[in-house]
């Protein structure tokens, strides 16, 4: 279960890279190809922690959670 604070927690490129165990360069490439959910704050790229966790789940798990309203 997710902590309510986690739902609004934003990650930097470096934090997202660490979470996903890839390099920041890989994260930037994924952003440029729109392969990962992200937001722009001015010129900065940030990631919503809850969206990254959902994005990492298999597609069938995402659909079932969406149907349950999670």
N, C-alpha and C. Protein backbone atom coordinates (compact mmCIF):
# COMPACT_ATOMS: atom_id res chain seq x y z
N UNK A 1 0.84 -1.18 0.00
CA UNK A 1 0.00 0.00 0.00
C UNK A 1 0.89 1.25 0.00
N UNK A 2 0.46 2.24 -0.74
CA UNK A 2 1.27 3.45 -0.90
C UNK A 2 0.91 4.47 0.18
N UNK A 3 1.91 5.11 0.67
CA UNK A 3 1.78 6.20 1.62
C UNK A 3 1.18 7.42 0.90
N UNK A 4 0.23 8.16 1.50
CA UNK A 4 -0.33 9.34 0.82
C UNK A 4 0.74 10.34 0.38
N UNK A 5 1.83 10.45 1.11
CA UNK A 5 2.91 11.36 0.73
C UNK A 5 3.58 10.90 -0.56
N UNK A 6 3.63 9.59 -0.79
CA UNK A 6 4.27 9.06 -1.99
C UNK A 6 3.51 9.43 -3.25
N UNK A 7 2.19 9.61 -3.15
CA UNK A 7 1.39 9.92 -4.32
C UNK A 7 1.76 11.26 -4.94
N UNK A 8 2.26 12.19 -4.13
CA UNK A 8 2.62 13.51 -4.64
C UNK A 8 4.13 13.76 -4.60
N UNK A 9 4.90 12.73 -4.37
CA UNK A 9 6.35 12.87 -4.32
C UNK A 9 6.91 12.93 -5.75
N UNK A 10 7.73 13.94 -5.98
CA UNK A 10 8.38 14.08 -7.28
C UNK A 10 9.82 13.61 -7.20
N UNK A 11 10.30 13.01 -8.28
CA UNK A 11 11.67 12.53 -8.37
C UNK A 11 12.43 13.33 -9.41
N UNK A 12 13.70 13.53 -9.17
CA UNK A 12 14.58 14.13 -10.16
C UNK A 12 15.00 13.04 -11.16
N UNK A 13 15.69 13.44 -12.20
CA UNK A 13 16.22 12.46 -13.16
C UNK A 13 17.13 11.48 -12.45
N UNK A 14 18.02 11.98 -11.60
CA UNK A 14 18.96 11.11 -10.88
C UNK A 14 18.22 10.13 -9.96
N UNK A 15 17.21 10.61 -9.25
CA UNK A 15 16.45 9.74 -8.35
C UNK A 15 15.66 8.68 -9.12
N UNK A 16 15.09 9.09 -10.24
CA UNK A 16 14.35 8.15 -11.08
C UNK A 16 15.31 7.09 -11.64
N UNK A 17 16.46 7.52 -12.08
CA UNK A 17 17.47 6.58 -12.61
C UNK A 17 17.88 5.58 -11.54
N UNK A 18 18.09 6.06 -10.33
CA UNK A 18 18.48 5.18 -9.23
C UNK A 18 17.36 4.18 -8.93
N UNK A 19 16.12 4.66 -8.89
CA UNK A 19 14.97 3.79 -8.62
C UNK A 19 14.86 2.68 -9.66
N UNK A 20 15.07 3.04 -10.92
CA UNK A 20 14.94 2.08 -12.02
C UNK A 20 16.23 1.33 -12.33
N UNK A 21 17.31 1.71 -11.65
CA UNK A 21 18.63 1.09 -11.83
C UNK A 21 19.14 1.20 -13.26
N UNK A 22 19.02 2.42 -13.77
CA UNK A 22 19.57 2.75 -15.08
C UNK A 22 20.34 4.06 -14.94
N UNK A 23 21.01 4.47 -15.98
CA UNK A 23 21.77 5.72 -15.91
C UNK A 23 20.85 6.92 -16.18
N UNK A 24 21.23 8.10 -15.69
CA UNK A 24 20.47 9.30 -16.02
C UNK A 24 20.38 9.52 -17.53
N UNK A 25 21.43 9.15 -18.25
CA UNK A 25 21.42 9.28 -19.71
C UNK A 25 20.28 8.45 -20.32
N UNK A 26 20.05 7.26 -19.78
CA UNK A 26 18.95 6.41 -20.24
C UNK A 26 17.61 7.07 -19.96
N UNK A 27 17.48 7.69 -18.79
CA UNK A 27 16.23 8.38 -18.44
C UNK A 27 15.98 9.52 -19.43
N UNK A 28 17.00 10.32 -19.71
CA UNK A 28 16.83 11.41 -20.67
C UNK A 28 16.42 10.89 -22.05
N UNK A 29 17.00 9.77 -22.46
CA UNK A 29 16.64 9.18 -23.75
C UNK A 29 15.18 8.74 -23.74
N UNK A 30 14.74 8.13 -22.64
CA UNK A 30 13.35 7.68 -22.53
C UNK A 30 12.38 8.87 -22.54
N UNK A 31 12.78 9.96 -21.91
CA UNK A 31 11.96 11.18 -21.92
C UNK A 31 11.85 11.71 -23.34
N UNK A 32 12.97 11.79 -24.03
CA UNK A 32 12.95 12.36 -25.39
C UNK A 32 12.12 11.52 -26.35
N UNK A 33 11.98 10.22 -26.05
CA UNK A 33 11.18 9.32 -26.87
C UNK A 33 9.77 9.13 -26.31
N UNK A 34 9.44 9.86 -25.24
CA UNK A 34 8.13 9.77 -24.56
C UNK A 34 7.81 8.32 -24.15
N UNK A 35 8.81 7.61 -23.67
CA UNK A 35 8.63 6.22 -23.24
C UNK A 35 8.41 6.08 -21.75
N UNK A 36 8.46 7.19 -21.01
CA UNK A 36 8.30 7.19 -19.57
C UNK A 36 7.44 8.38 -19.19
N UNK A 37 6.54 8.23 -18.20
CA UNK A 37 5.73 9.39 -17.80
C UNK A 37 6.59 10.44 -17.08
N UNK A 38 6.46 11.70 -17.49
CA UNK A 38 7.26 12.77 -16.89
C UNK A 38 6.48 14.07 -16.94
N UNK A 39 7.00 15.05 -16.22
CA UNK A 39 6.45 16.40 -16.23
C UNK A 39 7.61 17.37 -16.38
N UNK A 40 7.31 18.54 -16.90
CA UNK A 40 8.31 19.60 -17.01
C UNK A 40 7.96 20.69 -16.01
N UNK A 41 8.94 21.14 -15.27
CA UNK A 41 8.80 22.27 -14.36
C UNK A 41 9.84 23.27 -14.85
N UNK A 42 9.37 24.23 -15.64
CA UNK A 42 10.30 25.12 -16.32
C UNK A 42 11.09 24.28 -17.30
N UNK A 43 12.41 24.29 -17.15
CA UNK A 43 13.26 23.48 -18.02
C UNK A 43 13.58 22.12 -17.41
N UNK A 44 13.20 21.93 -16.14
CA UNK A 44 13.52 20.69 -15.43
C UNK A 44 12.53 19.58 -15.76
N UNK A 45 13.02 18.37 -15.82
CA UNK A 45 12.19 17.18 -15.99
C UNK A 45 12.04 16.53 -14.62
N UNK A 46 10.80 16.24 -14.23
CA UNK A 46 10.54 15.56 -12.96
C UNK A 46 9.56 14.42 -13.21
N UNK A 47 9.50 13.51 -12.24
CA UNK A 47 8.68 12.32 -12.35
C UNK A 47 7.84 12.16 -11.10
N UNK A 48 6.58 11.84 -11.27
CA UNK A 48 5.70 11.58 -10.14
C UNK A 48 5.95 10.13 -9.70
N UNK A 49 6.35 9.96 -8.46
CA UNK A 49 6.73 8.65 -7.93
C UNK A 49 5.65 7.60 -8.20
N UNK A 50 4.39 7.93 -7.92
CA UNK A 50 3.30 6.96 -8.09
C UNK A 50 3.14 6.57 -9.56
N UNK A 51 3.34 7.51 -10.48
CA UNK A 51 3.23 7.19 -11.91
C UNK A 51 4.35 6.27 -12.36
N UNK A 52 5.55 6.47 -11.82
CA UNK A 52 6.67 5.60 -12.18
C UNK A 52 6.42 4.19 -11.67
N UNK A 53 5.93 4.07 -10.44
CA UNK A 53 5.63 2.73 -9.91
C UNK A 53 4.58 2.03 -10.76
N UNK A 54 3.52 2.75 -11.13
CA UNK A 54 2.47 2.17 -11.98
C UNK A 54 3.03 1.79 -13.34
N UNK A 55 3.84 2.66 -13.91
CA UNK A 55 4.43 2.44 -15.23
C UNK A 55 5.30 1.18 -15.26
N UNK A 56 5.93 0.84 -14.13
CA UNK A 56 6.82 -0.32 -14.09
C UNK A 56 6.06 -1.64 -13.99
N UNK A 57 4.77 -1.59 -13.69
CA UNK A 57 3.99 -2.82 -13.56
C UNK A 57 3.62 -3.36 -14.94
N UNK A 58 3.48 -4.69 -15.03
CA UNK A 58 3.03 -5.26 -16.30
C UNK A 58 1.68 -4.68 -16.71
N UNK A 59 1.43 -4.60 -17.99
CA UNK A 59 0.20 -3.99 -18.53
C UNK A 59 -1.06 -4.60 -17.92
N UNK A 60 -1.11 -5.92 -17.76
CA UNK A 60 -2.33 -6.55 -17.22
C UNK A 60 -2.58 -6.11 -15.78
N UNK A 61 -1.52 -5.89 -14.99
CA UNK A 61 -1.69 -5.41 -13.61
C UNK A 61 -2.21 -3.99 -13.59
N UNK A 62 -1.75 -3.16 -14.53
CA UNK A 62 -2.22 -1.77 -14.60
C UNK A 62 -3.70 -1.73 -14.94
N UNK A 63 -4.13 -2.59 -15.88
CA UNK A 63 -5.55 -2.60 -16.27
C UNK A 63 -6.43 -3.05 -15.12
N UNK A 64 -6.00 -4.10 -14.38
CA UNK A 64 -6.83 -4.60 -13.28
C UNK A 64 -6.91 -3.59 -12.14
N UNK A 65 -5.84 -2.88 -11.85
CA UNK A 65 -5.88 -1.84 -10.80
C UNK A 65 -6.78 -0.69 -11.22
N UNK A 66 -6.72 -0.33 -12.50
CA UNK A 66 -7.56 0.75 -13.00
C UNK A 66 -9.04 0.37 -12.88
N UNK A 67 -9.36 -0.87 -13.19
CA UNK A 67 -10.75 -1.35 -13.10
C UNK A 67 -11.23 -1.35 -11.65
N UNK A 68 -10.32 -1.60 -10.71
CA UNK A 68 -10.69 -1.59 -9.29
C UNK A 68 -10.71 -0.19 -8.70
N UNK A 69 -10.25 0.79 -9.48
CA UNK A 69 -10.26 2.17 -9.01
C UNK A 69 -9.09 2.53 -8.13
N UNK A 70 -8.00 1.81 -8.22
CA UNK A 70 -6.81 2.11 -7.39
C UNK A 70 -5.95 3.14 -8.05
